């Protein structure tokens, strides 16, 4: 079965990385744990907040892998504790967020069971380039000559 791509248009050149990003998002975990918020702090700033009660800083890790922010948590069981009832499970998680090109993690901190991760998008300067148009016959001869050597 062939898949319909949004980026099949010949007018959209070089957007295949967006298609891969959409695939990553659609394959993301459907598990709602841990719950999270995403807030807009400014025009170019975001904050992701995850509820990670019971996790210490050593139980958590944050990495950026190919424009994908990955937050992992793994608690270790204390073998010396004897539980009569265990309603709070020591469970591990992995939560992924696909980042747009240019988004950077500016910091992270743990406060009262909430893990905050700040993201920023640096200002992009608009630039205009003029491309020189050369004579096709001269360019073609140079290309053939360089390919043969």
Protein backbone atom coordinates (compact mmCIF):
# COMPACT_ATOMS: atom_id res chain seq x y z
CA UNK A 1 0.00 0.00 0.00
CA UNK A 2 1.47 3.34 -1.01
CA UNK A 3 1.31 6.28 1.33
CA UNK A 4 0.13 9.72 0.25
CA UNK A 5 2.75 12.34 1.04
CA UNK A 6 1.97 15.96 1.72
CA UNK A 7 5.36 16.91 0.31
CA UNK A 8 5.08 15.27 -3.14
CA UNK A 9 4.69 18.59 -4.95
CA UNK A 10 7.58 19.49 -7.28
CA UNK A 11 7.36 22.99 -5.80
CA UNK A 12 8.36 21.76 -2.33
CA UNK A 13 12.04 20.87 -2.73
CA UNK A 14 14.08 19.68 0.24
CA UNK A 15 11.16 19.26 2.65
CA UNK A 16 11.64 15.51 3.12
CA UNK A 17 12.97 16.16 6.66
CA UNK A 18 9.52 17.56 7.57
CA UNK A 19 7.93 14.34 6.40
CA UNK A 20 10.32 12.34 8.58
CA UNK A 21 9.50 14.63 11.52
CA UNK A 22 5.78 14.04 11.01
CA UNK A 23 6.42 10.29 10.95
CA UNK A 24 8.28 10.55 14.27
CA UNK A 25 5.43 12.51 15.82
CA UNK A 26 2.80 10.04 14.65
CA UNK A 27 4.82 7.10 16.02
CA UNK A 28 5.24 8.86 19.37
CA UNK A 29 4.08 7.28 22.55
CA UNK A 30 0.33 7.35 23.08
CA UNK A 31 0.93 6.87 26.80
CA UNK A 32 -0.14 9.96 28.72
CA UNK A 33 2.61 9.56 31.31
CA UNK A 34 4.02 11.82 32.51
CA UNK A 35 1.56 14.64 31.92
CA UNK A 36 3.05 17.85 30.57
CA UNK A 37 2.32 21.47 29.71
CA UNK A 38 3.80 23.60 26.95
CA UNK A 39 3.71 27.35 27.51
CA UNK A 40 4.67 30.25 25.32
CA UNK A 41 6.96 32.56 27.31
CA UNK A 42 7.59 35.07 24.55
CA UNK A 43 7.70 35.39 20.81
CA UNK A 44 10.75 33.10 20.59
CA UNK A 45 10.61 31.19 23.90
CA UNK A 46 8.75 28.08 25.08
CA UNK A 47 8.72 26.06 28.29
CA UNK A 48 7.85 22.38 28.58
CA UNK A 49 6.85 21.33 32.11
CA UNK A 50 6.53 17.64 33.01
CA UNK A 51 4.99 16.32 36.23
CA UNK A 52 7.69 13.97 37.52
CA UNK A 53 6.79 13.57 41.19
CA UNK A 54 9.04 11.08 42.94
CA UNK A 55 11.90 11.44 40.45
CA UNK A 56 15.20 12.95 41.56
CA UNK A 57 17.63 14.77 39.26
CA UNK A 58 19.74 11.60 39.00
CA UNK A 59 16.67 9.67 37.77
CA UNK A 60 16.13 12.04 34.83
CA UNK A 61 18.01 12.69 31.59
CA UNK A 62 17.43 15.14 28.76
CA UNK A 63 19.02 14.73 25.32
CA UNK A 64 18.56 16.25 21.89
CA UNK A 65 18.87 13.65 19.14
CA UNK A 66 18.48 14.88 15.54
CA UNK A 67 16.05 17.71 16.34
CA UNK A 68 14.17 15.50 18.77
CA UNK A 69 14.09 16.41 22.46
CA UNK A 70 14.01 13.19 24.50
CA UNK A 71 13.29 13.25 28.22
CA UNK A 72 13.78 9.97 30.06
CA UNK A 73 13.07 9.00 33.63
CA UNK A 74 14.05 5.82 35.41
CA UNK A 75 13.55 5.18 39.11
CA UNK A 76 15.29 2.42 40.97
CA UNK A 77 13.43 0.31 43.49
CA UNK A 78 14.65 0.39 47.05
CA UNK A 79 14.96 -3.31 47.94
CA UNK A 80 14.96 -2.56 51.67
CA UNK A 81 11.41 -1.15 51.66
CA UNK A 82 8.50 -3.45 52.37
CA UNK A 83 5.24 -2.18 50.89
CA UNK A 84 1.86 -3.19 52.32
CA UNK A 85 0.21 -1.32 49.45
CA UNK A 86 1.96 0.11 46.42
CA UNK A 87 -0.10 2.70 44.56
CA UNK A 88 2.87 4.79 43.41
CA UNK A 89 4.78 2.67 40.96
CA UNK A 90 8.44 3.27 40.22
CA UNK A 91 7.92 3.40 36.50
CA UNK A 92 10.18 4.57 33.76
CA UNK A 93 9.18 6.84 30.92
CA UNK A 94 10.39 8.39 27.72
CA UNK A 95 8.72 11.50 26.34
CA UNK A 96 9.81 12.89 22.95
CA UNK A 97 9.18 16.25 21.32
CA UNK A 98 10.17 17.04 17.73
CA UNK A 99 11.88 20.44 17.60
CA UNK A 100 11.69 22.80 14.65
CA UNK A 101 14.92 23.72 12.92
CA UNK A 102 16.87 26.22 15.01
CA UNK A 103 15.11 25.58 18.34
CA UNK A 104 17.63 25.15 21.17
CA UNK A 105 17.34 24.00 24.77
CA UNK A 106 18.40 26.93 26.95
CA UNK A 107 18.07 25.21 30.32
CA UNK A 108 16.27 22.73 32.56
CA UNK A 109 15.51 22.52 36.25
CA UNK A 110 13.57 20.37 38.71
CA UNK A 111 11.34 22.14 41.23
CA UNK A 112 8.67 20.60 43.51
CA UNK A 113 8.15 17.54 41.32
CA UNK A 114 8.00 19.53 38.08
CA UNK A 115 10.72 19.33 35.43
CA UNK A 116 10.95 22.54 33.42
CA UNK A 117 12.75 22.65 30.06
CA UNK A 118 13.17 26.04 28.40
CA UNK A 119 13.48 26.31 24.63
CA UNK A 120 14.47 29.32 22.52
CA UNK A 121 14.49 30.11 18.85
CA UNK A 122 17.32 32.53 18.06
CA UNK A 123 16.35 35.49 15.87
CA UNK A 124 16.87 34.63 12.22
CA UNK A 125 18.27 37.37 10.04
CA UNK A 126 16.57 37.79 6.70
CA UNK A 127 19.06 37.50 3.88
CA UNK A 128 18.83 37.95 0.15
CA UNK A 129 21.40 36.46 -2.22
CA UNK A 130 21.81 37.18 -5.90
CA UNK A 131 22.81 34.17 -7.98
CA UNK A 132 25.07 34.77 -10.96
CA UNK A 133 23.74 33.38 -14.23
CA UNK A 134 26.56 32.10 -16.43
CA UNK A 135 26.68 31.16 -20.08
CA UNK A 136 25.35 27.59 -20.38
CA UNK A 137 27.83 26.42 -23.07
CA UNK A 138 30.88 27.51 -21.08
CA UNK A 139 29.55 26.00 -17.85
CA UNK A 140 28.63 22.69 -19.51
CA UNK A 141 32.17 22.33 -21.00
CA UNK A 142 33.74 23.04 -17.59
CA UNK A 143 31.46 20.48 -15.88
CA UNK A 144 32.35 17.77 -18.43
CA UNK A 145 36.06 18.56 -18.19
CA UNK A 146 36.07 18.43 -14.37
CA UNK A 147 34.08 15.16 -14.40
CA UNK A 148 36.63 13.52 -16.74
CA UNK A 149 39.65 14.47 -14.64
